[in-house]
Amino acid sequence: MDWSGVSIPSGMSDPRPHLGEPLALDLLNTRWSEHGPHDLLTDVAGLRIWLTSAGLGDRAVADAATLTALLVARAAIYDVVVHTRHSGLNTVLEHGRIRRELTESGPADHPDVPERSWLPAWLAADDLLRLMVAAPDRIRQCAHPECTLFFYDTSKNGTRRWHSMATCGNRTKAARHYARKV
């Protein structure tokens, strides 16, 4: 699929149809298909929108180096989630580590990423590891055949199929209903 899309104007709010997923999946969801393919990360303006939306606007610089690192991380995360290939993710993870310390309020973990441009990419890769430890089978791609979005299934019984029942779930049910009527 061609993800070239149209670049997003600076200052625009996040145009993606699905927000609020854990950081790793939120990064994957910077590519979506809605009336054609879109990619939020085609330029620094889109990167700025994503950093702000992901809560990283004050921790990272929206520049070409950060965008490049983030695109490497997105491809690596996609390879793990879709193709179960992990070498690219390990390459991203090599750019940082967790530094642990005991503080007055108790144990604390701090990301230690020497190259500032790699911080968002490393945090997304580290987040994927966290999701994989918690429940790897709950990392899913939307079941609608035309949807490219990902989600972390937090439903009680773990049977969620769509990123959104209001959009993809209803479309799927409507299509089944129409097929039975014809």
C-alpha atoms as a PDB file:
ATOM      1  CA  MET A   1       0.000   0.000   0.000  1.00  0.00           C
ATOM      2  CA  ASP A   2       1.289   3.500  -0.809  1.00  0.00           C
ATOM      3  CA  TRP A   3       1.568   5.396   2.462  1.00  0.00           C
ATOM      4  CA  SER A   4       2.861   8.623   0.974  1.00  0.00           C
ATOM      5  CA  GLY A   5      -0.316  10.510   1.918  1.00  0.00           C
ATOM      6  CA  VAL A   6      -0.563  14.251   2.212  1.00  0.00           C
ATOM      7  CA  SER A   7       1.641  16.011   4.742  1.00  0.00           C
ATOM      8  CA  ILE A   8      -0.181  17.393   7.769  1.00  0.00           C
ATOM      9  CA  PRO A   9      -0.116  21.185   8.268  1.00  0.00           C
ATOM     10  CA  SER A  10       1.760  22.414  11.337  1.00  0.00           C
ATOM     11  CA  GLY A  11      -0.467  23.312  14.290  1.00  0.00           C
ATOM     12  CA  MET A  12      -3.201  20.888  13.237  1.00  0.00           C
ATOM     13  CA  SER A  13      -4.684  18.546  15.811  1.00  0.00           C
ATOM     14  CA  ASP A  14      -4.043  14.844  15.471  1.00  0.00           C
ATOM     15  CA  PRO A  15      -6.073  13.699  12.428  1.00  0.00           C
ATOM     16  CA  ARG A  16      -5.859   9.968  13.100  1.00  0.00           C
ATOM     17  CA  PRO A  17      -9.132   8.063  13.520  1.00  0.00           C
ATOM     18  CA  HIS A  18      -7.944   6.054  16.532  1.00  0.00           C
ATOM     19  CA  LEU A  19      -5.978   7.449  19.470  1.00  0.00           C
ATOM     20  CA  GLY A  20      -5.203   6.346  22.997  1.00  0.00           C
ATOM     21  CA  GLU A  21      -3.432   3.057  22.437  1.00  0.00           C
ATOM     22  CA  PRO A  22      -0.177   2.219  24.240  1.00  0.00           C
ATOM     23  CA  LEU A  23       2.794   4.071  22.757  1.00  0.00           C
ATOM     24  CA  ALA A  24       4.064   1.221  20.542  1.00  0.00           C
ATOM     25  CA  LEU A  25       0.657   0.660  18.936  1.00  0.00           C
ATOM     26  CA  ASP A  26      -0.027   4.371  18.756  1.00  0.00           C
ATOM     27  CA  LEU A  27       3.146   4.648  16.680  1.00  0.00           C
ATOM     28  CA  LEU A  28       1.891   1.904  14.345  1.00  0.00           C
ATOM     29  CA  ASN A  29      -1.384   3.812  14.047  1.00  0.00           C
ATOM     30  CA  THR A  30       0.418   6.773  12.462  1.00  0.00           C
ATOM     31  CA  ARG A  31      -0.406   4.935   9.220  1.00  0.00           C
ATOM     32  CA  TRP A  32      -4.073   4.405   8.513  1.00  0.00           C
ATOM     33  CA  SER A  33      -6.467   3.920   5.662  1.00  0.00           C
ATOM     34  CA  GLU A  34      -9.531   6.140   5.544  1.00  0.00           C
ATOM     35  CA  HIS A  35     -10.641   7.143   2.061  1.00  0.00           C
ATOM     36  CA  GLY A  36      -7.110   6.192   0.963  1.00  0.00           C
ATOM     37  CA  PRO A  37      -3.805   5.681   2.743  1.00  0.00           C
ATOM     38  CA  HIS A  38      -2.475   8.286   5.193  1.00  0.00           C
ATOM     39  CA  ASP A  39       0.815   8.608   7.038  1.00  0.00           C
ATOM     40  CA  LEU A  40       1.212  11.160   9.813  1.00  0.00           C
ATOM     41  CA  LEU A  41       4.994  10.754   9.793  1.00  0.00           C
ATOM     42  CA  THR A  42       5.808  12.046   6.321  1.00  0.00           C
ATOM     43  CA  ASP A  43       7.420  15.209   7.669  1.00  0.00           C
ATOM     44  CA  VAL A  44       8.488  17.065  10.804  1.00  0.00           C
ATOM     45  CA  ALA A  45       5.080  18.777  11.130  1.00  0.00           C
ATOM     46  CA  GLY A  46       3.389  15.369  11.423  1.00  0.00           C
ATOM     47  CA  LEU A  47       6.085  14.252  13.854  1.00  0.00           C
ATOM     48  CA  ARG A  48       5.360  17.296  16.030  1.00  0.00           C
ATOM     49  CA  ILE A  49       1.664  16.364  16.097  1.00  0.00           C
ATOM     50  CA  TRP A  50       2.485  12.779  17.090  1.00  0.00           C
ATOM     51  CA  LEU A  51       4.966  13.801  19.784  1.00  0.00           C
ATOM     52  CA  THR A  52       2.375  16.124  21.319  1.00  0.00           C
ATOM     53  CA  SER A  53      -0.407  13.542  21.079  1.00  0.00           C
ATOM     54  CA  ALA A  54       1.844  10.871  22.621  1.00  0.00           C
ATOM     55  CA  GLY A  55       2.774  13.141  25.537  1.00  0.00           C
ATOM     56  CA  LEU A  56       6.389  13.435  24.411  1.00  0.00           C
ATOM     57  CA  GLY A  57       6.339  17.026  23.152  1.00  0.00           C
ATOM     58  CA  ASP A  58       8.386  18.264  26.107  1.00  0.00           C
ATOM     59  CA  ARG A  59      10.857  15.343  26.028  1.00  0.00           C
ATOM     60  CA  ALA A  60      11.788  15.194  22.348  1.00  0.00           C
ATOM     61  CA  VAL A  61      12.679  17.533  19.520  1.00  0.00           C
ATOM     62  CA  ALA A  62      10.640  17.404  16.332  1.00  0.00           C
ATOM     63  CA  ASP A  63      13.438  17.292  13.780  1.00  0.00           C
ATOM     64  CA  ALA A  64      14.648  15.151  10.888  1.00  0.00           C
ATOM     65  CA  ALA A  65      16.858  12.943  13.099  1.00  0.00           C
ATOM     66  CA  THR A  66      13.973  12.113  15.460  1.00  0.00           C
ATOM     67  CA  LEU A  67      11.676  11.433  12.502  1.00  0.00           C
ATOM     68  CA  THR A  68      14.213   9.049  10.960  1.00  0.00           C
ATOM     69  CA  ALA A  69      14.676   7.173  14.248  1.00  0.00           C
ATOM     70  CA  LEU A  70      10.920   6.942  14.752  1.00  0.00           C
ATOM     71  CA  LEU A  71      10.377   5.529  11.260  1.00  0.00           C
ATOM     72  CA  VAL A  72      13.003   2.861  11.980  1.00  0.00           C
ATOM     73  CA  ALA A  73      11.192   2.008  15.227  1.00  0.00           C
ATOM     74  CA  ARG A  74       7.776   1.918  13.532  1.00  0.00           C
ATOM     75  CA  ALA A  75       9.058  -0.542  10.917  1.00  0.00           C
ATOM     76  CA  ALA A  76      10.691  -2.676  13.623  1.00  0.00           C
ATOM     77  CA  ILE A  77       7.547  -2.732  15.785  1.00  0.00           C
ATOM     78  CA  TYR A  78       5.445  -3.628  12.743  1.00  0.00           C
ATOM     79  CA  ASP A  79       7.827  -6.496  11.931  1.00  0.00           C
ATOM     80  CA  VAL A  80       7.463  -7.879  15.455  1.00  0.00           C
ATOM     81  CA  VAL A  81       3.682  -7.516  15.634  1.00  0.00           C
ATOM     82  CA  VAL A  82       2.857  -8.721  12.108  1.00  0.00           C
ATOM     83  CA  HIS A  83       5.765 -10.927  11.051  1.00  0.00           C
ATOM     84  CA  THR A  84       7.307 -11.949  14.428  1.00  0.00           C
ATOM     85  CA  ARG A  85      10.733 -10.731  13.257  1.00  0.00           C
ATOM     86  CA  HIS A  86      12.672  -9.179  16.104  1.00  0.00           C
ATOM     87  CA  SER A  87      16.136  -8.153  14.884  1.00  0.00           C
ATOM     88  CA  GLY A  88      15.027  -4.619  13.935  1.00  0.00           C
ATOM     89  CA  LEU A  89      13.513  -4.043  17.364  1.00  0.00           C
ATOM     90  CA  ASN A  90      16.734  -5.135  19.042  1.00  0.00           C
ATOM     91  CA  THR A  91      18.605  -2.589  16.909  1.00  0.00           C
ATOM     92  CA  VAL A  92      16.298   0.176  18.180  1.00  0.00           C
ATOM     93  CA  LEU A  93      16.661  -1.033  21.772  1.00  0.00           C
ATOM     94  CA  GLU A  94      20.464  -0.826  21.483  1.00  0.00           C
ATOM     95  CA  HIS A  95      20.098   2.983  21.540  1.00  0.00           C
ATOM     96  CA  GLY A  96      19.127   3.054  25.218  1.00  0.00           C
ATOM     97  CA  ARG A  97      18.626   1.253  28.474  1.00  0.00           C
ATOM     98  CA  ILE A  98      16.712   1.478  31.739  1.00  0.00           C
ATOM     99  CA  ARG A  99      18.677   3.046  34.578  1.00  0.00           C
ATOM    100  CA  ARG A 100      17.351   1.963  37.960  1.00  0.00           C
ATOM    101  CA  GLU A 101      17.793   3.799  41.210  1.00  0.00           C
ATOM    102  CA  LEU A 102      16.400   3.968  44.684  1.00  0.00           C
ATOM    103  CA  THR A 103      14.790   7.332  45.401  1.00  0.00           C
ATOM    104  CA  GLU A 104      13.151   8.736  48.526  1.00  0.00           C
ATOM    105  CA  SER A 105       9.795   7.566  47.156  1.00  0.00           C
ATOM    106  CA  GLY A 106      11.076   4.080  46.329  1.00  0.00           C
ATOM    107  CA  PRO A 107      12.583   2.265  43.341  1.00  0.00           C
ATOM    108  CA  ALA A 108      12.480   4.145  40.033  1.00  0.00           C
ATOM    109  CA  ASP A 109      13.267   3.231  36.448  1.00  0.00           C
ATOM    110  CA  HIS A 110      14.591   5.941  34.129  1.00  0.00           C
ATOM    111  CA  PRO A 111      15.144   5.670  30.387  1.00  0.00           C
ATOM    112  CA  ASP A 112      18.768   6.375  29.529  1.00  0.00           C
ATOM    113  CA  VAL A 113      18.976   7.209  25.825  1.00  0.00           C
ATOM    114  CA  PRO A 114      22.187   9.116  25.037  1.00  0.00           C
ATOM    115  CA  GLU A 115      21.096  10.319  21.574  1.00  0.00           C
ATOM    116  CA  ARG A 116      18.058  12.521  22.219  1.00  0.00           C
ATOM    117  CA  SER A 117      16.710  11.875  18.715  1.00  0.00           C
ATOM    118  CA  TRP A 118      16.257   8.192  19.607  1.00  0.00           C
ATOM    119  CA  LEU A 119      14.239   8.752  22.801  1.00  0.00           C
ATOM    120  CA  PRO A 120      10.698   8.484  21.283  1.00  0.00           C
ATOM    121  CA  ALA A 121      11.730   5.511  19.143  1.00  0.00           C
ATOM    122  CA  TRP A 122      13.336   3.743  22.094  1.00  0.00           C
ATOM    123  CA  LEU A 123      10.350   4.429  24.358  1.00  0.00           C
ATOM    124  CA  ALA A 124       7.978   2.932  21.758  1.00  0.00           C
ATOM    125  CA  ALA A 125      10.175  -0.158  21.363  1.00  0.00           C
ATOM    126  CA  ASP A 126      10.429  -0.550  25.142  1.00  0.00           C
ATOM    127  CA  ASP A 127       6.646  -0.183  25.394  1.00  0.00           C
ATOM    128  CA  LEU A 128       6.193  -3.056  22.952  1.00  0.00           C
ATOM    129  CA  LEU A 129       8.336  -5.236  25.229  1.00  0.00           C
ATOM    130  CA  ARG A 130       6.113  -4.275  28.163  1.00  0.00           C
ATOM    131  CA  LEU A 131       2.987  -5.274  26.209  1.00  0.00           C
ATOM    132  CA  MET A 132       4.594  -8.544  25.159  1.00  0.00           C
ATOM    133  CA  VAL A 133       5.421  -9.415  28.772  1.00  0.00           C
ATOM    134  CA  ALA A 134       1.909  -8.533  29.976  1.00  0.00           C
ATOM    135  CA  ALA A 135      -0.164 -10.293  27.281  1.00  0.00           C
ATOM    136  CA  PRO A 136       1.288 -10.692  23.782  1.00  0.00           C
ATOM    137  CA  ASP A 137      -1.893 -12.333  22.491  1.00  0.00           C
ATOM    138  CA  ARG A 138      -3.813  -9.103  23.168  1.00  0.00           C
ATOM    139  CA  ILE A 139      -1.785  -7.081  20.660  1.00  0.00           C
ATOM    140  CA  ARG A 140      -4.043  -7.132  17.634  1.00  0.00           C
ATOM    141  CA  GLN A 141      -4.737  -5.639  14.265  1.00  0.00           C
ATOM    142  CA  CYS A 142      -8.338  -4.658  13.567  1.00  0.00           C
ATOM    143  CA  ALA A 143     -10.268  -7.557  12.025  1.00  0.00           C
ATOM    144  CA  HIS A 144     -11.977  -5.384   9.405  1.00  0.00           C
ATOM    145  CA  PRO A 145     -10.341  -6.350   6.088  1.00  0.00           C
ATOM    146  CA  GLU A 146      -9.816  -2.731   5.000  1.00  0.00           C
ATOM    147  CA  CYS A 147      -8.542  -1.421   8.337  1.00  0.00           C
ATOM    148  CA  THR A 148      -4.835  -1.123   9.117  1.00  0.00           C
ATOM    149  CA  LEU A 149      -5.106   0.021  12.741  1.00  0.00           C
ATOM    150  CA  PHE A 150      -3.803  -1.820  15.816  1.00  0.00           C
ATOM    151  CA  PHE A 151      -5.079  -2.026  19.374  1.00  0.00           C
ATOM    152  CA  TYR A 152      -4.320  -3.623  22.713  1.00  0.00           C
ATOM    153  CA  ASP A 153      -7.310  -5.707  23.773  1.00  0.00           C
ATOM    154  CA  THR A 154      -8.238  -4.708  27.303  1.00  0.00           C
ATOM    155  CA  SER A 155     -11.659  -6.360  27.226  1.00  0.00           C
ATOM    156  CA  LYS A 156     -12.429  -8.657  30.148  1.00  0.00           C
ATOM    157  CA  ASN A 157     -12.650 -11.842  28.080  1.00  0.00           C
ATOM    158  CA  GLY A 158     -10.001 -10.859  25.512  1.00  0.00           C
ATOM    159  CA  THR A 159     -12.201 -11.265  22.441  1.00  0.00           C
ATOM    160  CA  ARG A 160     -12.228  -7.743  21.019  1.00  0.00           C
ATOM    161  CA  ARG A 161     -11.900  -7.854  17.228  1.00  0.00           C
ATOM    162  CA  TRP A 162     -12.060  -4.264  16.018  1.00  0.00           C
ATOM    163  CA  HIS A 163     -10.160  -1.132  16.909  1.00  0.00           C
ATOM    164  CA  SER A 164     -13.591   0.505  17.260  1.00  0.00           C
ATOM    165  CA  MET A 165     -16.999  -1.102  17.429  1.00  0.00           C
ATOM    166  CA  ALA A 166     -18.532   2.189  16.273  1.00  0.00           C
ATOM    167  CA  THR A 167     -16.656   2.148  12.966  1.00  0.00           C
ATOM    168  CA  CYS A 168     -15.161  -1.160  11.862  1.00  0.00           C
ATOM    169  CA  GLY A 169     -17.408  -3.349  13.999  1.00  0.00           C
ATOM    170  CA  ASN A 170     -20.572  -1.753  12.662  1.00  0.00           C
ATOM    171  CA  ARG A 171     -19.290  -1.868   9.065  1.00  0.00           C
ATOM    172  CA  THR A 172     -18.563  -5.571   9.390  1.00  0.00           C
ATOM    173  CA  LYS A 173     -21.950  -6.339  10.944  1.00  0.00           C
ATOM    174  CA  ALA A 174     -23.756  -4.243   8.326  1.00  0.00           C
ATOM    175  CA  ALA A 175     -21.952  -6.048   5.518  1.00  0.00           C
ATOM    176  CA  ARG A 176     -22.919  -9.439   6.975  1.00  0.00           C
ATOM    177  CA  HIS A 177     -26.525  -8.301   7.335  1.00  0.00           C
ATOM    178  CA  TYR A 178     -26.636  -7.016   3.765  1.00  0.00           C
ATOM    179  CA  ALA A 179     -25.083 -10.272   2.451  1.00  0.00           C
ATOM    180  CA  ARG A 180     -27.822 -12.302   4.175  1.00  0.00           C
ATOM    181  CA  LYS A 181     -30.554 -10.139   2.637  1.00  0.00           C
ATOM    182  CA  VAL A 182     -29.249 -10.414  -0.938  1.00  0.00           C
END
